[in-house]
Amino acid sequence: MHSDAPTIDYRQLLEDERRQLEAELTELGFGAGGGRGLDYDPNFADSSQVTAERGEAEVLALQLQESLDEVALAITRFEAGSYGHCEECGQPVGSARLEAMPATRFCINHANRP
């Protein structure tokens, strides 16, 4: 039986997500060059605002890096042939979930369990 439904290229979705995360990290100054964040004017009058903004940028960069690490792990699973299966129960992860969250490691039933 032949299906006319388009085939989803999960590898491409993962690569696209990786590029997007890397671009966001670079924009924040935490790119591949090992940057330390955005540069702020040391003569800016409100140093507490600079400190707060720097802290927010660092938290965001950490979250982006964690997401990037998840994408890299998903690409490794893809190459190993285990991509798309729940790490908890081993069952296939639904295609809609994979399309929405290409780096997911769990099926919907195990997504929110501790």
N, C-alpha and C. Protein backbone atom coordinates (compact mmCIF):
# COMPACT_ATOMS: atom_id res chain seq x y z
N MET A 1 0.83 -1.17 0.00
CA MET A 1 0.00 0.00 0.00
C MET A 1 0.89 1.25 0.00
N HIS A 2 0.67 2.11 -0.93
CA HIS A 2 1.47 3.32 -1.08
C HIS A 2 0.75 4.50 -0.45
N SER A 3 1.47 5.28 0.32
CA SER A 3 0.89 6.45 0.97
C SER A 3 1.36 7.71 0.26
N ASP A 4 0.43 8.64 0.07
CA ASP A 4 0.77 9.92 -0.53
C ASP A 4 1.18 10.96 0.52
N ALA A 5 1.15 10.55 1.80
CA ALA A 5 1.52 11.48 2.87
C ALA A 5 3.01 11.80 2.75
N PRO A 6 3.36 13.07 2.98
CA PRO A 6 4.77 13.44 2.89
C PRO A 6 5.58 12.76 4.01
N THR A 7 6.78 12.38 3.68
CA THR A 7 7.68 11.77 4.65
C THR A 7 8.41 12.89 5.37
N ILE A 8 8.43 12.80 6.69
CA ILE A 8 9.09 13.83 7.49
C ILE A 8 10.57 13.47 7.61
N ASP A 9 11.42 14.41 7.31
CA ASP A 9 12.86 14.22 7.42
C ASP A 9 13.29 14.70 8.80
N TYR A 10 13.27 13.77 9.76
CA TYR A 10 13.59 14.12 11.14
C TYR A 10 15.04 14.58 11.28
N ARG A 11 15.92 14.00 10.50
CA ARG A 11 17.32 14.43 10.56
C ARG A 11 17.42 15.90 10.18
N GLN A 12 16.69 16.30 9.15
CA GLN A 12 16.71 17.70 8.72
C GLN A 12 16.11 18.60 9.79
N LEU A 13 15.03 18.14 10.44
CA LEU A 13 14.44 18.92 11.52
C LEU A 13 15.46 19.13 12.65
N LEU A 14 16.20 18.09 12.98
CA LEU A 14 17.22 18.19 14.02
C LEU A 14 18.34 19.14 13.61
N GLU A 15 18.79 19.03 12.37
CA GLU A 15 19.86 19.92 11.88
C GLU A 15 19.39 21.38 11.87
N ASP A 16 18.14 21.61 11.46
CA ASP A 16 17.59 22.96 11.46
C ASP A 16 17.52 23.52 12.87
N GLU A 17 17.08 22.68 13.82
CA GLU A 17 16.99 23.12 15.20
C GLU A 17 18.39 23.42 15.76
N ARG A 18 19.36 22.59 15.41
CA ARG A 18 20.73 22.82 15.87
C ARG A 18 21.26 24.17 15.35
N ARG A 19 21.05 24.43 14.07
CA ARG A 19 21.50 25.70 13.50
C ARG A 19 20.83 26.90 14.17
N GLN A 20 19.53 26.77 14.44
CA GLN A 20 18.79 27.86 15.09
C GLN A 20 19.32 28.11 16.50
N LEU A 21 19.55 27.05 17.26
CA LEU A 21 20.08 27.20 18.62
C LEU A 21 21.48 27.80 18.62
N GLU A 22 22.32 27.34 17.69
CA GLU A 22 23.67 27.89 17.59
C GLU A 22 23.62 29.38 17.24
N ALA A 23 22.71 29.77 16.35
CA ALA A 23 22.57 31.18 15.97
C ALA A 23 22.12 32.02 17.16
N GLU A 24 21.19 31.50 17.95
CA GLU A 24 20.72 32.23 19.11
C GLU A 24 21.83 32.38 20.15
N LEU A 25 22.61 31.34 20.35
CA LEU A 25 23.74 31.42 21.28
C LEU A 25 24.78 32.44 20.80
N THR A 26 25.04 32.44 19.50
CA THR A 26 25.98 33.40 18.94
C THR A 26 25.47 34.82 19.11
N GLU A 27 24.18 35.01 18.90
CA GLU A 27 23.58 36.34 19.05
C GLU A 27 23.72 36.84 20.49
N LEU A 28 23.67 35.93 21.44
CA LEU A 28 23.83 36.30 22.85
C LEU A 28 25.30 36.45 23.24
N GLY A 29 26.19 36.10 22.31
CA GLY A 29 27.61 36.21 22.60
C GLY A 29 28.21 34.95 23.21
N PHE A 30 27.47 33.84 23.15
CA PHE A 30 27.94 32.57 23.70
C PHE A 30 28.11 31.55 22.59
N GLY A 31 28.62 31.98 21.45
CA GLY A 31 28.75 31.12 20.28
C GLY A 31 29.90 30.15 20.36
N ALA A 32 30.18 29.55 19.23
CA ALA A 32 31.21 28.52 19.12
C ALA A 32 32.59 29.01 19.51
N GLY A 33 32.82 30.30 19.46
CA GLY A 33 34.12 30.85 19.82
C GLY A 33 34.36 30.88 21.32
N GLY A 34 33.40 30.35 22.10
CA GLY A 34 33.58 30.33 23.54
C GLY A 34 33.38 31.69 24.18
N GLY A 35 32.52 32.49 23.57
CA GLY A 35 32.27 33.82 24.09
C GLY A 35 31.71 33.79 25.50
N ARG A 36 31.78 34.94 26.16
CA ARG A 36 31.32 35.04 27.54
C ARG A 36 30.07 35.89 27.65
N GLY A 37 29.38 36.11 26.58
CA GLY A 37 28.16 36.90 26.65
C GLY A 37 28.33 38.25 25.99
N LEU A 38 27.25 38.97 26.00
CA LEU A 38 27.23 40.29 25.39
C LEU A 38 28.13 41.25 26.16
N ASP A 39 28.71 42.19 25.43
CA ASP A 39 29.54 43.22 26.05
C ASP A 39 28.64 44.39 26.44
N TYR A 40 28.84 44.86 27.64
CA TYR A 40 28.09 46.00 28.13
C TYR A 40 29.06 47.14 28.39
N ASP A 41 28.59 48.33 28.23
CA ASP A 41 29.40 49.52 28.48
C ASP A 41 29.70 49.63 29.97
N PRO A 42 30.96 49.53 30.37
CA PRO A 42 31.29 49.59 31.79
C PRO A 42 31.00 50.96 32.41
N ASN A 43 30.79 51.97 31.60
CA ASN A 43 30.49 53.31 32.10
C ASN A 43 28.99 53.59 32.18
N PHE A 44 28.20 52.57 31.90
CA PHE A 44 26.75 52.74 31.95
C PHE A 44 26.35 53.06 33.38
N ALA A 45 25.51 54.07 33.55
CA ALA A 45 25.17 54.59 34.88
C ALA A 45 24.46 53.57 35.77
N ASP A 46 23.63 52.73 35.21
CA ASP A 46 22.85 51.80 36.02
C ASP A 46 23.48 50.41 35.99
N SER A 47 24.50 50.22 36.81
CA SER A 47 25.21 48.95 36.81
C SER A 47 24.34 47.80 37.28
N SER A 48 23.34 48.07 38.13
CA SER A 48 22.46 46.99 38.57
C SER A 48 21.62 46.47 37.41
N GLN A 49 21.23 47.37 36.50
CA GLN A 49 20.48 46.93 35.33
C GLN A 49 21.36 46.07 34.43
N VAL A 50 22.60 46.46 34.26
CA VAL A 50 23.55 45.69 33.45
C VAL A 50 23.74 44.30 34.07
N THR A 51 23.90 44.26 35.38
CA THR A 51 24.08 42.99 36.07
C THR A 51 22.86 42.09 35.88
N ALA A 52 21.67 42.66 36.00
CA ALA A 52 20.44 41.90 35.82
C ALA A 52 20.33 41.37 34.39
N GLU A 53 20.60 42.23 33.40
CA GLU A 53 20.51 41.82 32.01
C GLU A 53 21.55 40.75 31.68
N ARG A 54 22.74 40.91 32.23
CA ARG A 54 23.78 39.91 32.01
C ARG A 54 23.34 38.56 32.60
N GLY A 55 22.77 38.60 33.79
CA GLY A 55 22.29 37.38 34.43
C GLY A 55 21.20 36.71 33.61
N GLU A 56 20.28 37.50 33.08
CA GLU A 56 19.21 36.96 32.24
C GLU A 56 19.79 36.33 30.97
N ALA A 57 20.77 36.99 30.38
CA ALA A 57 21.41 36.46 29.16
C ALA A 57 22.12 35.14 29.46
N GLU A 58 22.76 35.06 30.62
CA GLU A 58 23.47 33.83 30.98
C GLU A 58 22.50 32.68 31.23
N VAL A 59 21.36 32.96 31.87
CA VAL A 59 20.35 31.92 32.09
C VAL A 59 19.79 31.44 30.76
N LEU A 60 19.48 32.37 29.87
CA LEU A 60 18.97 32.00 28.55
C LEU A 60 20.00 31.19 27.79
N ALA A 61 21.26 31.60 27.85
CA ALA A 61 22.32 30.87 27.14
C ALA A 61 22.44 29.45 27.69
N LEU A 62 22.31 29.29 29.00
CA LEU A 62 22.37 27.96 29.60
C LEU A 62 21.23 27.08 29.11
N GLN A 63 20.03 27.65 29.03
CA GLN A 63 18.87 26.91 28.53
C GLN A 63 19.06 26.53 27.06
N LEU A 64 19.58 27.46 26.27
CA LEU A 64 19.83 27.18 24.86
C LEU A 64 20.89 26.09 24.71
N GLN A 65 21.93 26.13 25.53
CA GLN A 65 22.99 25.12 25.47
C GLN A 65 22.45 23.76 25.85
N GLU A 66 21.57 23.69 26.85
CA GLU A 66 20.96 22.42 27.23
C GLU A 66 20.12 21.87 26.07
N SER A 67 19.38 22.74 25.41
CA SER A 67 18.59 22.31 24.25
C SER A 67 19.50 21.83 23.12
N LEU A 68 20.60 22.55 22.91
CA LEU A 68 21.56 22.15 21.88
C LEU A 68 22.16 20.78 22.20
N ASP A 69 22.45 20.53 23.47
CA ASP A 69 22.97 19.23 23.89
C ASP A 69 21.95 18.12 23.62
N GLU A 70 20.66 18.40 23.87
CA GLU A 70 19.60 17.43 23.60
C GLU A 70 19.51 17.13 22.09
N VAL A 71 19.65 18.16 21.28
CA VAL A 71 19.61 17.97 19.83
C VAL A 71 20.80 17.12 19.38
N ALA A 72 21.98 17.40 19.92
CA ALA A 72 23.16 16.61 19.56
C ALA A 72 22.97 15.15 19.96
N LEU A 73 22.38 14.92 21.13
CA LEU A 73 22.10 13.55 21.57
C LEU A 73 21.11 12.88 20.63
N ALA A 74 20.09 13.62 20.20
CA ALA A 74 19.09 13.07 19.28
C ALA A 74 19.74 12.71 17.94
N ILE A 75 20.65 13.53 17.46
CA ILE A 75 21.35 13.23 16.21
C ILE A 75 22.18 11.96 16.37
N THR A 76 22.82 11.80 17.53
CA THR A 76 23.59 10.58 17.81
C THR A 76 22.66 9.37 17.81
N ARG A 77 21.49 9.50 18.44
CA ARG A 77 20.51 8.40 18.44
C ARG A 77 20.04 8.10 17.02
N PHE A 78 19.86 9.16 16.22
CA PHE A 78 19.42 8.98 14.84
C PHE A 78 20.44 8.15 14.08
N GLU A 79 21.71 8.51 14.24
CA GLU A 79 22.79 7.80 13.55
C GLU A 79 22.93 6.35 14.04
N ALA A 80 22.60 6.12 15.31
CA ALA A 80 22.70 4.77 15.88
C ALA A 80 21.47 3.92 15.59
N GLY A 81 20.42 4.55 15.06
CA GLY A 81 19.21 3.80 14.72
C GLY A 81 18.21 3.68 15.86
N SER A 82 18.43 4.39 16.96
CA SER A 82 17.51 4.31 18.09
C SER A 82 16.62 5.54 18.21
N TYR A 83 16.74 6.46 17.28
CA TYR A 83 15.94 7.68 17.30
C TYR A 83 14.47 7.34 17.13
N GLY A 84 13.62 8.08 17.86
CA GLY A 84 12.18 7.92 17.69
C GLY A 84 11.57 6.88 18.59
N HIS A 85 12.37 6.34 19.52
CA HIS A 85 11.84 5.38 20.48
C HIS A 85 12.02 5.94 21.89
N CYS A 86 11.01 5.74 22.71
CA CYS A 86 11.01 6.24 24.08
C CYS A 86 12.12 5.59 24.88
N GLU A 87 12.89 6.40 25.59
CA GLU A 87 13.97 5.87 26.42
C GLU A 87 13.45 5.13 27.64
N GLU A 88 12.19 5.36 28.00
CA GLU A 88 11.60 4.71 29.17
C GLU A 88 11.00 3.35 28.83
N CYS A 89 10.15 3.31 27.81
CA CYS A 89 9.43 2.07 27.50
C CYS A 89 9.87 1.41 26.19
N GLY A 90 10.62 2.13 25.37
CA GLY A 90 11.11 1.56 24.12
C GLY A 90 10.11 1.61 22.98
N GLN A 91 8.91 2.09 23.24
CA GLN A 91 7.88 2.17 22.20
C GLN A 91 8.16 3.36 21.28
N PRO A 92 7.68 3.29 20.05
CA PRO A 92 7.87 4.41 19.14
C PRO A 92 7.20 5.69 19.66
N VAL A 93 7.89 6.79 19.48
CA VAL A 93 7.33 8.10 19.81
C VAL A 93 6.49 8.51 18.62
N GLY A 94 5.33 9.05 18.86
CA GLY A 94 4.45 9.44 17.77
C GLY A 94 5.07 10.47 16.84
N SER A 95 4.73 10.37 15.56
CA SER A 95 5.32 11.27 14.57
C SER A 95 4.95 12.73 14.83
N ALA A 96 3.74 12.98 15.32
CA ALA A 96 3.34 14.37 15.61
C ALA A 96 4.22 14.94 16.72
N ARG A 97 4.53 14.12 17.72
CA ARG A 97 5.39 14.57 18.83
C ARG A 97 6.81 14.82 18.32
N LEU A 98 7.32 13.92 17.49
CA LEU A 98 8.66 14.09 16.94
C LEU A 98 8.75 15.32 16.04
N GLU A 99 7.68 15.58 15.31
CA GLU A 99 7.70 16.75 14.43
C GLU A 99 7.68 18.03 15.26
N ALA A 100 6.93 18.04 16.35
CA ALA A 100 6.85 19.22 17.21
C ALA A 100 8.10 19.39 18.06
N MET A 101 8.67 18.27 18.50
CA MET A 101 9.84 18.28 19.38
C MET A 101 10.84 17.24 18.89
N PRO A 102 11.59 17.54 17.84
CA PRO A 102 12.45 16.54 17.22
C PRO A 102 13.48 15.90 18.16
N ALA A 103 13.88 16.59 19.21
CA ALA A 103 14.90 16.05 20.11
C ALA A 103 14.32 15.29 21.30
N THR A 104 13.00 15.11 21.32
CA THR A 104 12.39 14.46 22.47
C THR A 104 12.93 13.04 22.67
N ARG A 105 13.03 12.65 23.92
CA ARG A 105 13.56 11.32 24.26
C ARG A 105 12.47 10.39 24.75
N PHE A 106 11.26 10.93 24.96
CA PHE A 106 10.20 10.14 25.58
C PHE A 106 8.89 10.24 24.81
N CYS A 107 8.12 9.17 24.88
CA CYS A 107 6.76 9.18 24.33
C CYS A 107 5.90 10.07 25.21
N ILE A 108 4.71 10.37 24.77
CA ILE A 108 3.83 11.27 25.52
C ILE A 108 3.50 10.69 26.88
N ASN A 109 3.42 9.38 26.99
CA ASN A 109 3.08 8.75 28.28
C ASN A 109 4.18 8.90 29.32
N HIS A 110 5.41 9.07 28.89
CA HIS A 110 6.52 9.16 29.82
C HIS A 110 7.18 10.56 29.82
N ALA A 111 6.61 11.50 29.14
CA ALA A 111 7.21 12.82 28.99
C ALA A 111 7.31 13.60 30.30
N ASN A 112 6.34 13.48 31.16
CA ASN A 112 6.31 14.30 32.36
C ASN A 112 6.53 13.50 33.64
N ARG A 113 6.97 12.31 33.53
CA ARG A 113 7.21 11.51 34.74
C ARG A 113 8.57 11.84 35.30
N PRO A 114 8.68 11.82 36.64
CA PRO A 114 9.97 12.13 37.28
C PRO A 114 11.02 11.09 37.02
